[in-house]
Amino acid sequence: MMEAHTLLEVLLVIAILGILYSMYVGALARAREAAERAICKQSQREFKTLRETEDIPNMIRIADSCYRCHASAPPNW
């Protein structure tokens, strides 16, 4: 004979799934921010190198990508 799950068991499973989901979303957000920081640092390094070689067209391209990255973010003062 099959026994049905109680309401408490169902709510407990839903609560555990909610906790696991919130941990997943938090980790995903931190990973995305770390990736954006790595891309930004690499662009800054590339810009410094291009500035030394005076490669103006590529400097403009890198500066545009940095502007898109930082244009929506508030200043970090």
C-alpha atoms as a PDB file:
ATOM      1  CA  MET A   1       0.000   0.000   0.000  1.00  0.00           C
ATOM      2  CA  MET A   2       1.364   3.442  -0.960  1.00  0.00           C
ATOM      3  CA  GLU A   3       1.723   6.054   1.711  1.00  0.00           C
ATOM      4  CA  ALA A   4       1.344   9.732   0.834  1.00  0.00           C
ATOM      5  CA  HIS A   5       3.842  12.339   1.956  1.00  0.00           C
ATOM      6  CA  THR A   6       2.746  14.709   4.668  1.00  0.00           C
ATOM      7  CA  LEU A   7       2.539  18.433   4.129  1.00  0.00           C
ATOM      8  CA  LEU A   8       5.504  18.940   6.468  1.00  0.00           C
ATOM      9  CA  GLU A   9       7.731  16.680   4.365  1.00  0.00           C
ATOM     10  CA  VAL A  10       6.787  18.479   1.165  1.00  0.00           C
ATOM     11  CA  LEU A  11       7.444  21.892   2.727  1.00  0.00           C
ATOM     12  CA  LEU A  12      10.790  20.690   4.073  1.00  0.00           C
ATOM     13  CA  VAL A  13      11.879  19.521   0.617  1.00  0.00           C
ATOM     14  CA  ILE A  14      10.792  22.846  -0.903  1.00  0.00           C
ATOM     15  CA  ALA A  15      12.739  24.758   1.778  1.00  0.00           C
ATOM     16  CA  ILE A  16      15.890  22.694   1.149  1.00  0.00           C
ATOM     17  CA  LEU A  17      15.596  23.249  -2.603  1.00  0.00           C
ATOM     18  CA  GLY A  18      15.183  26.998  -2.010  1.00  0.00           C
ATOM     19  CA  ILE A  19      18.327  27.111   0.115  1.00  0.00           C
ATOM     20  CA  LEU A  20      20.317  25.176  -2.488  1.00  0.00           C
ATOM     21  CA  TYR A  21      19.035  27.458  -5.255  1.00  0.00           C
ATOM     22  CA  SER A  22      20.021  30.601  -3.350  1.00  0.00           C
ATOM     23  CA  MET A  23      23.528  29.191  -2.823  1.00  0.00           C
ATOM     24  CA  TYR A  24      23.770  28.412  -6.544  1.00  0.00           C
ATOM     25  CA  VAL A  25      22.636  31.891  -7.606  1.00  0.00           C
ATOM     26  CA  GLY A  26      25.095  33.535  -5.189  1.00  0.00           C
ATOM     27  CA  ALA A  27      28.001  31.461  -6.462  1.00  0.00           C
ATOM     28  CA  LEU A  28      27.035  32.198 -10.050  1.00  0.00           C
ATOM     29  CA  ALA A  29      26.925  35.946  -9.382  1.00  0.00           C
ATOM     30  CA  ARG A  30      30.351  35.880  -7.710  1.00  0.00           C
ATOM     31  CA  ALA A  31      31.811  33.924 -10.626  1.00  0.00           C
ATOM     32  CA  ARG A  32      30.367  36.409 -13.113  1.00  0.00           C
ATOM     33  CA  GLU A  33      31.826  39.364 -11.194  1.00  0.00           C
ATOM     34  CA  ALA A  34      35.237  37.666 -11.006  1.00  0.00           C
ATOM     35  CA  ALA A  35      35.172  37.067 -14.765  1.00  0.00           C
ATOM     36  CA  GLU A  36      34.279  40.709 -15.430  1.00  0.00           C
ATOM     37  CA  ARG A  37      37.127  41.882 -13.176  1.00  0.00           C
ATOM     38  CA  ALA A  38      39.584  39.597 -14.985  1.00  0.00           C
ATOM     39  CA  ILE A  39      38.483  40.909 -18.390  1.00  0.00           C
ATOM     40  CA  CYS A  40      38.779  44.492 -17.172  1.00  0.00           C
ATOM     41  CA  LYS A  41      42.279  43.944 -15.767  1.00  0.00           C
ATOM     42  CA  GLN A  42      43.388  42.340 -19.011  1.00  0.00           C
ATOM     43  CA  SER A  43      42.001  45.275 -20.995  1.00  0.00           C
ATOM     44  CA  GLN A  44      43.896  47.689 -18.772  1.00  0.00           C
ATOM     45  CA  ARG A  45      47.143  45.774 -19.290  1.00  0.00           C
ATOM     46  CA  GLU A  46      46.558  45.678 -23.033  1.00  0.00           C
ATOM     47  CA  PHE A  47      45.829  49.418 -23.067  1.00  0.00           C
ATOM     48  CA  LYS A  48      49.109  50.153 -21.261  1.00  0.00           C
ATOM     49  CA  THR A  49      51.030  48.060 -23.774  1.00  0.00           C
ATOM     50  CA  LEU A  50      49.316  49.735 -26.729  1.00  0.00           C
ATOM     51  CA  ARG A  51      49.977  53.154 -25.232  1.00  0.00           C
ATOM     52  CA  GLU A  52      53.691  52.374 -25.156  1.00  0.00           C
ATOM     53  CA  THR A  53      53.645  51.225 -28.788  1.00  0.00           C
ATOM     54  CA  GLU A  54      51.404  54.144 -29.834  1.00  0.00           C
ATOM     55  CA  ASP A  55      48.947  51.869 -31.668  1.00  0.00           C
ATOM     56  CA  ILE A  56      46.084  54.409 -31.749  1.00  0.00           C
ATOM     57  CA  PRO A  57      43.326  52.356 -33.501  1.00  0.00           C
ATOM     58  CA  ASN A  58      43.687  49.451 -31.087  1.00  0.00           C
ATOM     59  CA  MET A  59      43.958  51.834 -28.137  1.00  0.00           C
ATOM     60  CA  ILE A  60      40.597  53.322 -29.100  1.00  0.00           C
ATOM     61  CA  ARG A  61      39.063  49.843 -29.357  1.00  0.00           C
ATOM     62  CA  ILE A  62      40.292  48.877 -25.875  1.00  0.00           C
ATOM     63  CA  ALA A  63      39.226  52.224 -24.415  1.00  0.00           C
ATOM     64  CA  ASP A  64      35.725  51.731 -25.843  1.00  0.00           C
ATOM     65  CA  SER A  65      35.457  48.283 -24.267  1.00  0.00           C
ATOM     66  CA  CYS A  66      36.584  49.690 -20.910  1.00  0.00           C
ATOM     67  CA  TYR A  67      34.067  52.516 -21.200  1.00  0.00           C
ATOM     68  CA  ARG A  68      31.236  50.039 -21.820  1.00  0.00           C
ATOM     69  CA  CYS A  69      32.387  48.088 -18.777  1.00  0.00           C
ATOM     70  CA  HIS A  70      32.540  51.100 -16.442  1.00  0.00           C
ATOM     71  CA  ALA A  71      29.934  53.456 -17.903  1.00  0.00           C
ATOM     72  CA  SER A  72      27.037  51.933 -15.949  1.00  0.00           C
ATOM     73  CA  ALA A  73      29.000  51.400 -12.729  1.00  0.00           C
ATOM     74  CA  PRO A  74      29.174  54.198 -10.151  1.00  0.00           C
ATOM     75  CA  PRO A  75      32.608  55.714  -9.560  1.00  0.00           C
ATOM     76  CA  ASN A  76      34.691  53.780  -7.058  1.00  0.00           C
ATOM     77  CA  TRP A  77      35.832  56.706  -4.868  1.00  0.00           C
END
